[in-house]
């Protein structure tokens, strides 16, 4: 068994590409939206790229207008 490589099925490769593209789109959205929410754009975009939808949801749940 050692030394024998088993190729990944095409479905797994397609899924991996889809996940990377989805995380990239979420990261771009976070970079654009972060300054409006009081966050630094590049660090938050990197955070959202690695965390995914949860990070983007956290960003979108921040209050734009603080209560007085």
C-alpha atoms as a PDB file:
ATOM      1  CA  UNK A   1       0.000   0.000   0.000  1.00  0.00           C
ATOM      2  CA  UNK A   2       2.867   2.403   0.645  1.00  0.00           C
ATOM      3  CA  UNK A   3       4.221   4.021  -2.473  1.00  0.00           C
ATOM      4  CA  UNK A   4       1.026   3.544  -4.458  1.00  0.00           C
ATOM      5  CA  UNK A   5      -0.740   6.803  -5.139  1.00  0.00           C
ATOM      6  CA  UNK A   6      -4.446   6.801  -5.744  1.00  0.00           C
ATOM      7  CA  UNK A   7      -5.672   9.671  -7.917  1.00  0.00           C
ATOM      8  CA  UNK A   8      -8.484  11.810  -6.616  1.00  0.00           C
ATOM      9  CA  UNK A   9     -11.784  11.383  -8.400  1.00  0.00           C
ATOM     10  CA  UNK A  10     -12.781  14.310 -10.633  1.00  0.00           C
ATOM     11  CA  UNK A  11     -15.723  15.136  -8.354  1.00  0.00           C
ATOM     12  CA  UNK A  12     -13.382  15.787  -5.423  1.00  0.00           C
ATOM     13  CA  UNK A  13     -11.229  18.091  -7.547  1.00  0.00           C
ATOM     14  CA  UNK A  14     -14.299  19.956  -8.791  1.00  0.00           C
ATOM     15  CA  UNK A  15     -15.570  20.358  -5.227  1.00  0.00           C
ATOM     16  CA  UNK A  16     -12.197  21.667  -4.063  1.00  0.00           C
ATOM     17  CA  UNK A  17     -12.147  24.268  -6.830  1.00  0.00           C
ATOM     18  CA  UNK A  18     -15.692  25.302  -6.002  1.00  0.00           C
ATOM     19  CA  UNK A  19     -14.823  25.772  -2.321  1.00  0.00           C
ATOM     20  CA  UNK A  20     -11.745  27.879  -3.110  1.00  0.00           C
ATOM     21  CA  UNK A  21     -13.694  30.080  -5.520  1.00  0.00           C
ATOM     22  CA  UNK A  22     -16.560  30.506  -3.036  1.00  0.00           C
ATOM     23  CA  UNK A  23     -14.165  31.492  -0.252  1.00  0.00           C
ATOM     24  CA  UNK A  24     -12.431  33.910  -2.620  1.00  0.00           C
ATOM     25  CA  UNK A  25     -15.721  35.597  -3.495  1.00  0.00           C
ATOM     26  CA  UNK A  26     -16.611  35.859   0.196  1.00  0.00           C
ATOM     27  CA  UNK A  27     -13.190  37.357   0.933  1.00  0.00           C
ATOM     28  CA  UNK A  28     -13.618  39.971  -1.809  1.00  0.00           C
ATOM     29  CA  UNK A  29     -17.043  40.860  -0.407  1.00  0.00           C
ATOM     30  CA  UNK A  30     -15.519  41.207   3.072  1.00  0.00           C
ATOM     31  CA  UNK A  31     -12.733  43.467   1.768  1.00  0.00           C
ATOM     32  CA  UNK A  32     -15.333  45.735   0.170  1.00  0.00           C
ATOM     33  CA  UNK A  33     -17.724  45.779   3.150  1.00  0.00           C
ATOM     34  CA  UNK A  34     -15.245  45.879   6.048  1.00  0.00           C
ATOM     35  CA  UNK A  35     -14.435  49.624   5.995  1.00  0.00           C
ATOM     36  CA  UNK A  36     -18.142  50.475   6.208  1.00  0.00           C
ATOM     37  CA  UNK A  37     -18.408  48.265   9.299  1.00  0.00           C
ATOM     38  CA  UNK A  38     -15.383  49.769  11.055  1.00  0.00           C
ATOM     39  CA  UNK A  39     -12.978  46.902  10.301  1.00  0.00           C
ATOM     40  CA  UNK A  40      -9.653  46.889   8.492  1.00  0.00           C
ATOM     41  CA  UNK A  41     -10.316  45.488   5.028  1.00  0.00           C
ATOM     42  CA  UNK A  42      -7.312  43.292   4.193  1.00  0.00           C
ATOM     43  CA  UNK A  43      -6.994  41.446   7.521  1.00  0.00           C
ATOM     44  CA  UNK A  44     -10.733  40.850   7.608  1.00  0.00           C
ATOM     45  CA  UNK A  45     -10.705  39.611   4.008  1.00  0.00           C
ATOM     46  CA  UNK A  46      -7.984  37.105   4.857  1.00  0.00           C
ATOM     47  CA  UNK A  47      -9.919  36.026   7.937  1.00  0.00           C
ATOM     48  CA  UNK A  48     -13.084  35.481   5.893  1.00  0.00           C
ATOM     49  CA  UNK A  49     -11.157  33.545   3.230  1.00  0.00           C
ATOM     50  CA  UNK A  50     -10.014  31.003   5.798  1.00  0.00           C
ATOM     51  CA  UNK A  51     -13.155  30.926   7.958  1.00  0.00           C
ATOM     52  CA  UNK A  52     -15.771  31.220   5.216  1.00  0.00           C
ATOM     53  CA  UNK A  53     -19.400  32.137   5.552  1.00  0.00           C
ATOM     54  CA  UNK A  54     -19.208  32.398   9.335  1.00  0.00           C
ATOM     55  CA  UNK A  55     -16.751  35.311   9.095  1.00  0.00           C
ATOM     56  CA  UNK A  56     -18.846  37.075   6.489  1.00  0.00           C
ATOM     57  CA  UNK A  57     -21.942  36.610   8.653  1.00  0.00           C
ATOM     58  CA  UNK A  58     -20.096  38.100  11.627  1.00  0.00           C
ATOM     59  CA  UNK A  59     -19.184  41.109   9.516  1.00  0.00           C
ATOM     60  CA  UNK A  60     -22.715  41.607   8.255  1.00  0.00           C
ATOM     61  CA  UNK A  61     -24.182  41.351  11.762  1.00  0.00           C
ATOM     62  CA  UNK A  62     -22.100  44.260  13.074  1.00  0.00           C
ATOM     63  CA  UNK A  63     -24.166  47.341  13.714  1.00  0.00           C
ATOM     64  CA  UNK A  64     -23.595  50.149  11.202  1.00  0.00           C
ATOM     65  CA  UNK A  65     -25.052  52.836  13.428  1.00  0.00           C
ATOM     66  CA  UNK A  66     -24.196  52.445  17.103  1.00  0.00           C
ATOM     67  CA  UNK A  67     -26.979  53.121  19.560  1.00  0.00           C
ATOM     68  CA  UNK A  68     -26.730  56.340  21.571  1.00  0.00           C
END
